[in-house]
Amino acid sequence: MPYYVYRINEGPLEGMKLLEKVDEFESFKEAKTRARALRAELPEGENAQYKVMFAATELEAEEKLSEQREKPILAEWEK
């Protein structure tokens, strides 16, 4: 299964994400290196994110990236 590198921007509605596939790699090391390079090139003040996703297809990768995940519950000592 390939590793996909995605650029993620906030959408026009709260909780909506705009996903743009940047690249695809067969090894995690290559994907990680590409994502780090893209993050380093990101202009200051721009709030886009670059993420690596391991999935069988582009559709599966985009579904995983679009999921609304619950925030973790913080214990009292973690506040």
PDB file of N, CA and C in Angstrom:
ATOM      1  N   MET A   1       0.846  -1.186   0.000  1.00  0.00           N
ATOM      2  CA  MET A   1       0.000   0.000   0.000  1.00  0.00           C
ATOM      3  C   MET A   1       0.885   1.241   0.000  1.00  0.00           C
ATOM      4  N   PRO A   2       0.479   2.247  -0.745  1.00  0.00           N
ATOM      5  CA  PRO A   2       1.291   3.464  -0.832  1.00  0.00           C
ATOM      6  C   PRO A   2       1.057   4.436   0.322  1.00  0.00           C
ATOM      7  N   TYR A   3       1.988   5.357   0.439  1.00  0.00           N
ATOM      8  CA  TYR A   3       1.891   6.466   1.387  1.00  0.00           C
ATOM      9  C   TYR A   3       1.570   7.720   0.581  1.00  0.00           C
ATOM     10  N   TYR A   4       0.545   8.431   1.000  1.00  0.00           N
ATOM     11  CA  TYR A   4       0.121   9.644   0.312  1.00  0.00           C
ATOM     12  C   TYR A   4       0.501  10.857   1.148  1.00  0.00           C
ATOM     13  N   VAL A   5       0.947  11.913   0.487  1.00  0.00           N
ATOM     14  CA  VAL A   5       1.233  13.185   1.150  1.00  0.00           C
ATOM     15  C   VAL A   5       0.140  14.157   0.722  1.00  0.00           C
ATOM     16  N   TYR A   6      -0.537  14.735   1.709  1.00  0.00           N
ATOM     17  CA  TYR A   6      -1.644  15.655   1.453  1.00  0.00           C
ATOM     18  C   TYR A   6      -1.381  17.016   2.060  1.00  0.00           C
ATOM     19  N   ARG A   7      -1.850  18.033   1.362  1.00  0.00           N
ATOM     20  CA  ARG A   7      -1.878  19.398   1.891  1.00  0.00           C
ATOM     21  C   ARG A   7      -3.304  19.613   2.391  1.00  0.00           C
ATOM     22  N   ILE A   8      -3.437  20.087   3.619  1.00  0.00           N
ATOM     23  CA  ILE A   8      -4.752  20.260   4.231  1.00  0.00           C
ATOM     24  C   ILE A   8      -4.943  21.722   4.616  1.00  0.00           C
ATOM     25  N   ASN A   9      -6.032  22.299   4.120  1.00  0.00           N
ATOM     26  CA  ASN A   9      -6.424  23.668   4.461  1.00  0.00           C
ATOM     27  C   ASN A   9      -7.797  23.625   5.101  1.00  0.00           C
ATOM     28  N   GLU A  10      -8.085  24.624   5.916  1.00  0.00           N
ATOM     29  CA  GLU A  10      -9.418  24.730   6.506  1.00  0.00           C
ATOM     30  C   GLU A  10     -10.400  25.149   5.422  1.00  0.00           C
ATOM     31  N   GLY A  11     -11.558  24.520   5.434  1.00  0.00           N
ATOM     32  CA  GLY A  11     -12.592  24.839   4.454  1.00  0.00           C
ATOM     33  C   GLY A  11     -13.401  26.056   4.855  1.00  0.00           C
ATOM     34  N   PRO A  12     -14.368  26.429   4.020  1.00  0.00           N
ATOM     35  CA  PRO A  12     -15.185  27.610   4.310  1.00  0.00           C
ATOM     36  C   PRO A  12     -16.107  27.424   5.518  1.00  0.00           C
ATOM     37  N   LEU A  13     -16.431  26.179   5.839  1.00  0.00           N
ATOM     38  CA  LEU A  13     -17.279  25.901   6.995  1.00  0.00           C
ATOM     39  C   LEU A  13     -16.446  25.284   8.106  1.00  0.00           C
ATOM     40  N   GLU A  14     -16.856  25.515   9.346  1.00  0.00           N
ATOM     41  CA  GLU A  14     -16.132  24.974  10.491  1.00  0.00           C
ATOM     42  C   GLU A  14     -16.106  23.450  10.431  1.00  0.00           C
ATOM     43  N   GLY A  15     -14.942  22.877  10.628  1.00  0.00           N
ATOM     44  CA  GLY A  15     -14.797  21.424  10.616  1.00  0.00           C
ATOM     45  C   GLY A  15     -14.603  20.840   9.230  1.00  0.00           C
ATOM     46  N   MET A  16     -14.696  21.663   8.205  1.00  0.00           N
ATOM     47  CA  MET A  16     -14.521  21.191   6.834  1.00  0.00           C
ATOM     48  C   MET A  16     -13.056  21.343   6.432  1.00  0.00           C
ATOM     49  N   LYS A  17     -12.519  20.334   5.763  1.00  0.00           N
ATOM     50  CA  LYS A  17     -11.126  20.371   5.338  1.00  0.00           C
ATOM     51  C   LYS A  17     -11.048  20.288   3.820  1.00  0.00           C
ATOM     52  N   LEU A  18     -10.139  21.062   3.250  1.00  0.00           N
ATOM     53  CA  LEU A  18      -9.868  20.992   1.821  1.00  0.00           C
ATOM     54  C   LEU A  18      -8.593  20.178   1.641  1.00  0.00           C
ATOM     55  N   LEU A  19      -8.695  19.043   0.970  1.00  0.00           N
ATOM     56  CA  LEU A  19      -7.571  18.131   0.807  1.00  0.00           C
ATOM     57  C   LEU A  19      -7.023  18.210  -0.611  1.00  0.00           C
ATOM     58  N   GLU A  20      -5.698  18.259  -0.703  1.00  0.00           N
ATOM     59  CA  GLU A  20      -5.043  18.286  -2.004  1.00  0.00           C
ATOM     60  C   GLU A  20      -3.897  17.276  -1.977  1.00  0.00           C
ATOM     61  N   LYS A  21      -3.986  16.251  -2.817  1.00  0.00           N
ATOM     62  CA  LYS A  21      -2.917  15.254  -2.872  1.00  0.00           C
ATOM     63  C   LYS A  21      -1.697  15.891  -3.515  1.00  0.00           C
ATOM     64  N   VAL A  22      -0.561  15.791  -2.815  1.00  0.00           N
ATOM     65  CA  VAL A  22       0.672  16.386  -3.298  1.00  0.00           C
ATOM     66  C   VAL A  22       1.545  15.335  -3.965  1.00  0.00           C
ATOM     67  N   ASP A  23       1.645  14.161  -3.337  1.00  0.00           N
ATOM     68  CA  ASP A  23       2.548  13.128  -3.836  1.00  0.00           C
ATOM     69  C   ASP A  23       2.148  11.758  -3.320  1.00  0.00           C
ATOM     70  N   GLU A  24       2.792  10.733  -3.857  1.00  0.00           N
ATOM     71  CA  GLU A  24       2.531   9.339  -3.476  1.00  0.00           C
ATOM     72  C   GLU A  24       3.865   8.599  -3.486  1.00  0.00           C
ATOM     73  N   PHE A  25       4.119   7.799  -2.442  1.00  0.00           N
ATOM     74  CA  PHE A  25       5.382   7.074  -2.319  1.00  0.00           C
ATOM     75  C   PHE A  25       5.133   5.639  -1.881  1.00  0.00           C
ATOM     76  N   GLU A  26       6.095   4.782  -2.177  1.00  0.00           N
ATOM     77  CA  GLU A  26       6.006   3.383  -1.758  1.00  0.00           C
ATOM     78  C   GLU A  26       6.622   3.156  -0.379  1.00  0.00           C
ATOM     79  N   SER A  27       7.489   4.072   0.064  1.00  0.00           N
ATOM     80  CA  SER A  27       8.104   3.895   1.382  1.00  0.00           C
ATOM     81  C   SER A  27       7.784   5.086   2.281  1.00  0.00           C
ATOM     82  N   PHE A  28       7.652   4.796   3.571  1.00  0.00           N
ATOM     83  CA  PHE A  28       7.335   5.846   4.542  1.00  0.00           C
ATOM     84  C   PHE A  28       8.459   6.870   4.624  1.00  0.00           C
ATOM     85  N   LYS A  29       9.693   6.396   4.552  1.00  0.00           N
ATOM     86  CA  LYS A  29      10.837   7.295   4.683  1.00  0.00           C
ATOM     87  C   LYS A  29      10.803   8.396   3.614  1.00  0.00           C
ATOM     88  N   GLU A  30      10.509   8.024   2.379  1.00  0.00           N
ATOM     89  CA  GLU A  30      10.426   9.013   1.296  1.00  0.00           C
ATOM     90  C   GLU A  30       9.270   9.984   1.526  1.00  0.00           C
ATOM     91  N   ALA A  31       8.123   9.448   1.935  1.00  0.00           N
ATOM     92  CA  ALA A  31       6.943  10.286   2.176  1.00  0.00           C
ATOM     93  C   ALA A  31       7.200  11.261   3.320  1.00  0.00           C
ATOM     94  N   LYS A  32       7.821  10.770   4.379  1.00  0.00           N
ATOM     95  CA  LYS A  32       8.123  11.613   5.542  1.00  0.00           C
ATOM     96  C   LYS A  32       9.087  12.738   5.158  1.00  0.00           C
ATOM     97  N   THR A  33      10.108  12.401   4.385  1.00  0.00           N
ATOM     98  CA  THR A  33      11.084  13.395   3.949  1.00  0.00           C
ATOM     99  C   THR A  33      10.424  14.477   3.101  1.00  0.00           C
ATOM    100  N   ARG A  34       9.544  14.071   2.197  1.00  0.00           N
ATOM    101  CA  ARG A  34       8.830  15.028   1.330  1.00  0.00           C
ATOM    102  C   ARG A  34       7.921  15.941   2.158  1.00  0.00           C
ATOM    103  N   ALA A  35       7.189  15.356   3.119  1.00  0.00           N
ATOM    104  CA  ALA A  35       6.290  16.148   3.960  1.00  0.00           C
ATOM    105  C   ALA A  35       7.082  17.160   4.791  1.00  0.00           C
ATOM    106  N   ARG A  36       8.210  16.754   5.327  1.00  0.00           N
ATOM    107  CA  ARG A  36       9.038  17.679   6.117  1.00  0.00           C
ATOM    108  C   ARG A  36       9.562  18.821   5.259  1.00  0.00           C
ATOM    109  N   ALA A  37       9.980  18.504   4.033  1.00  0.00           N
ATOM    110  CA  ALA A  37      10.484  19.541   3.129  1.00  0.00           C
ATOM    111  C   ALA A  37       9.378  20.542   2.792  1.00  0.00           C
ATOM    112  N   LEU A  38       8.175  20.044   2.543  1.00  0.00           N
ATOM    113  CA  LEU A  38       7.046  20.930   2.239  1.00  0.00           C
ATOM    114  C   LEU A  38       6.698  21.809   3.433  1.00  0.00           C
ATOM    115  N   ARG A  39       6.758  21.247   4.635  1.00  0.00           N
ATOM    116  CA  ARG A  39       6.478  22.039   5.843  1.00  0.00           C
ATOM    117  C   ARG A  39       7.518  23.144   6.016  1.00  0.00           C
ATOM    118  N   ALA A  40       8.786  22.828   5.710  1.00  0.00           N
ATOM    119  CA  ALA A  40       9.860  23.812   5.854  1.00  0.00           C
ATOM    120  C   ALA A  40       9.705  24.956   4.849  1.00  0.00           C
ATOM    121  N   GLU A  41       9.152  24.661   3.663  1.00  0.00           N
ATOM    122  CA  GLU A  41       8.966  25.674   2.620  1.00  0.00           C
ATOM    123  C   GLU A  41       7.716  26.524   2.834  1.00  0.00           C
ATOM    124  N   LEU A  42       6.872  26.133   3.758  1.00  0.00           N
ATOM    125  CA  LEU A  42       5.603  26.820   3.991  1.00  0.00           C
ATOM    126  C   LEU A  42       5.852  28.256   4.453  1.00  0.00           C
ATOM    127  N   PRO A  43       5.281  29.252   3.764  1.00  0.00           N
ATOM    128  CA  PRO A  43       5.477  30.649   4.179  1.00  0.00           C
ATOM    129  C   PRO A  43       4.914  30.894   5.581  1.00  0.00           C
ATOM    130  N   GLU A  44       5.580  31.766   6.318  1.00  0.00           N
ATOM    131  CA  GLU A  44       5.127  32.086   7.673  1.00  0.00           C
ATOM    132  C   GLU A  44       3.755  32.747   7.609  1.00  0.00           C
ATOM    133  N   GLY A  45       2.895  32.361   8.513  1.00  0.00           N
ATOM    134  CA  GLY A  45       1.552  32.917   8.544  1.00  0.00           C
ATOM    135  C   GLY A  45       0.527  32.071   7.810  1.00  0.00           C
ATOM    136  N   GLU A  46       0.977  31.169   6.967  1.00  0.00           N
ATOM    137  CA  GLU A  46       0.049  30.281   6.262  1.00  0.00           C
ATOM    138  C   GLU A  46      -0.246  29.089   7.168  1.00  0.00           C
ATOM    139  N   ASN A  47      -1.507  28.724   7.303  1.00  0.00           N
ATOM    140  CA  ASN A  47      -1.863  27.678   8.261  1.00  0.00           C
ATOM    141  C   ASN A  47      -2.201  26.342   7.600  1.00  0.00           C
ATOM    142  N   ALA A  48      -1.639  26.068   6.445  1.00  0.00           N
ATOM    143  CA  ALA A  48      -1.838  24.764   5.810  1.00  0.00           C
ATOM    144  C   ALA A  48      -1.026  23.716   6.561  1.00  0.00           C
ATOM    145  N   GLN A  49      -1.469  22.470   6.476  1.00  0.00           N
ATOM    146  CA  GLN A  49      -0.755  21.357   7.093  1.00  0.00           C
ATOM    147  C   GLN A  49      -0.398  20.354   6.010  1.00  0.00           C
ATOM    148  N   TYR A  50       0.696  19.634   6.216  1.00  0.00           N
ATOM    149  CA  TYR A  50       1.066  18.533   5.330  1.00  0.00           C
ATOM    150  C   TYR A  50       1.069  17.269   6.165  1.00  0.00           C
ATOM    151  N   LYS A  51       0.360  16.258   5.692  1.00  0.00           N
ATOM    152  CA  LYS A  51       0.269  15.005   6.434  1.00  0.00           C
ATOM    153  C   LYS A  51       0.541  13.828   5.516  1.00  0.00           C
ATOM    154  N   VAL A  52       1.098  12.767   6.113  1.00  0.00           N
ATOM    155  CA  VAL A  52       1.347  11.509   5.412  1.00  0.00           C
ATOM    156  C   VAL A  52       0.263  10.530   5.840  1.00  0.00           C
ATOM    157  N   MET A  53      -0.337   9.852   4.864  1.00  0.00           N
ATOM    158  CA  MET A  53      -1.403   8.892   5.161  1.00  0.00           C
ATOM    159  C   MET A  53      -1.117   7.583   4.437  1.00  0.00           C
ATOM    160  N   PHE A  54      -1.185   6.485   5.177  1.00  0.00           N
ATOM    161  CA  PHE A  54      -0.991   5.141   4.641  1.00  0.00           C
ATOM    162  C   PHE A  54      -2.363   4.561   4.353  1.00  0.00           C
ATOM    163  N   ALA A  55      -2.637   4.240   3.087  1.00  0.00           N
ATOM    164  CA  ALA A  55      -3.958   3.728   2.714  1.00  0.00           C
ATOM    165  C   ALA A  55      -3.861   2.949   1.404  1.00  0.00           C
ATOM    166  N   ALA A  56      -4.851   2.102   1.168  1.00  0.00           N
ATOM    167  CA  ALA A  56      -4.886   1.284  -0.044  1.00  0.00           C
ATOM    168  C   ALA A  56      -5.186   2.129  -1.280  1.00  0.00           C
ATOM    169  N   THR A  57      -6.038   3.144  -1.122  1.00  0.00           N
ATOM    170  CA  THR A  57      -6.422   3.995  -2.254  1.00  0.00           C
ATOM    171  C   THR A  57      -6.452   5.455  -1.826  1.00  0.00           C
ATOM    172  N   GLU A  58      -6.497   6.334  -2.818  1.00  0.00           N
ATOM    173  CA  GLU A  58      -6.618   7.767  -2.524  1.00  0.00           C
ATOM    174  C   GLU A  58      -7.911   8.063  -1.781  1.00  0.00           C
ATOM    175  N   LEU A  59      -8.979   7.407  -2.195  1.00  0.00           N
ATOM    176  CA  LEU A  59     -10.278   7.618  -1.553  1.00  0.00           C
ATOM    177  C   LEU A  59     -10.225   7.266  -0.068  1.00  0.00           C
ATOM    178  N   GLU A  60      -9.610   6.129   0.258  1.00  0.00           N
ATOM    179  CA  GLU A  60      -9.489   5.718   1.663  1.00  0.00           C
ATOM    180  C   GLU A  60      -8.648   6.727   2.450  1.00  0.00           C
ATOM    181  N   ALA A  61      -7.574   7.208   1.849  1.00  0.00           N
ATOM    182  CA  ALA A  61      -6.718   8.199   2.516  1.00  0.00           C
ATOM    183  C   ALA A  61      -7.496   9.478   2.804  1.00  0.00           C
ATOM    184  N   GLU A  62      -8.283   9.932   1.829  1.00  0.00           N
ATOM    185  CA  GLU A  62      -9.059  11.156   2.018  1.00  0.00           C
ATOM    186  C   GLU A  62     -10.159  10.972   3.052  1.00  0.00           C
ATOM    187  N   GLU A  63     -10.753   9.791   3.099  1.00  0.00           N
ATOM    188  CA  GLU A  63     -11.775   9.520   4.117  1.00  0.00           C
ATOM    189  C   GLU A  63     -11.169   9.562   5.512  1.00  0.00           C
ATOM    190  N   LYS A  64      -9.984   8.962   5.670  1.00  0.00           N
ATOM    191  CA  LYS A  64      -9.320   8.965   6.978  1.00  0.00           C
ATOM    192  C   LYS A  64      -8.947  10.384   7.402  1.00  0.00           C
ATOM    193  N   LEU A  65      -8.463  11.178   6.461  1.00  0.00           N
ATOM    194  CA  LEU A  65      -8.073  12.552   6.780  1.00  0.00           C
ATOM    195  C   LEU A  65      -9.274  13.442   7.080  1.00  0.00           C
ATOM    196  N   SER A  66     -10.424  13.103   6.528  1.00  0.00           N
ATOM    197  CA  SER A  66     -11.630  13.913   6.715  1.00  0.00           C
ATOM    198  C   SER A  66     -12.416  13.559   7.969  1.00  0.00           C
ATOM    199  N   GLU A  67     -12.070  12.463   8.626  1.00  0.00           N
ATOM    200  CA  GLU A  67     -12.802  12.034   9.824  1.00  0.00           C
ATOM    201  C   GLU A  67     -12.741  13.103  10.909  1.00  0.00           C
ATOM    202  N   GLN A  68     -13.850  13.286  11.588  1.00  0.00           N
ATOM    203  CA  GLN A  68     -13.889  14.170  12.751  1.00  0.00           C
ATOM    204  C   GLN A  68     -13.560  13.327  13.973  1.00  0.00           C
ATOM    205  N   ARG A  69     -12.396  13.550  14.541  1.00  0.00           N
ATOM    206  CA  ARG A  69     -11.992  12.761  15.702  1.00  0.00           C
ATOM    207  C   ARG A  69     -12.281  13.539  16.973  1.00  0.00           C
ATOM    208  N   GLU A  70     -12.675  12.796  17.991  1.00  0.00           N
ATOM    209  CA  GLU A  70     -12.949  13.426  19.280  1.00  0.00           C
ATOM    210  C   GLU A  70     -11.645  13.862  19.924  1.00  0.00           C
ATOM    211  N   LYS A  71     -11.709  14.993  20.621  1.00  0.00           N
ATOM    212  CA  LYS A  71     -10.535  15.450  21.343  1.00  0.00           C
ATOM    213  C   LYS A  71     -10.317  14.526  22.535  1.00  0.00           C
ATOM    214  N   PRO A  72      -9.057  14.230  22.867  1.00  0.00           N
ATOM    215  CA  PRO A  72      -8.806  13.366  24.015  1.00  0.00           C
ATOM    216  C   PRO A  72      -9.218  14.047  25.317  1.00  0.00           C
ATOM    217  N   ILE A  73      -9.647  13.247  26.249  1.00  0.00           N
ATOM    218  CA  ILE A  73     -10.035  13.761  27.562  1.00  0.00           C
ATOM    219  C   ILE A  73      -8.764  13.984  28.368  1.00  0.00           C
ATOM    220  N   LEU A  74      -8.599  15.201  28.870  1.00  0.00           N
ATOM    221  CA  LEU A  74      -7.421  15.516  29.664  1.00  0.00           C
ATOM    222  C   LEU A  74      -7.664  15.159  31.122  1.00  0.00           C
ATOM    223  N   ALA A  75      -6.694  14.508  31.705  1.00  0.00           N
ATOM    224  CA  ALA A  75      -6.762  14.226  33.136  1.00  0.00           C
ATOM    225  C   ALA A  75      -6.432  15.518  33.889  1.00  0.00           C
ATOM    226  N   GLU A  76      -6.795  15.592  35.132  1.00  0.00           N
ATOM    227  CA  GLU A  76      -6.612  16.797  35.935  1.00  0.00           C
ATOM    228  C   GLU A  76      -5.155  17.266  35.943  1.00  0.00           C
ATOM    229  N   TRP A  77      -4.206  16.352  36.014  1.00  0.00           N
ATOM    230  CA  TRP A  77      -2.797  16.723  36.112  1.00  0.00           C
ATOM    231  C   TRP A  77      -2.224  17.156  34.756  1.00  0.00           C
ATOM    232  N   GLU A  78      -2.945  16.958  33.663  1.00  0.00           N
ATOM    233  CA  GLU A  78      -2.454  17.340  32.343  1.00  0.00           C
ATOM    234  C   GLU A  78      -2.865  18.756  31.940  1.00  0.00           C
ATOM    235  N   LYS A  79      -3.715  19.397  32.722  1.00  0.00           N
ATOM    236  CA  LYS A  79      -4.215  20.729  32.364  1.00  0.00           C
ATOM    237  C   LYS A  79      -3.184  21.790  32.542  1.00  0.00           C
TER     238      LYS A  79
END
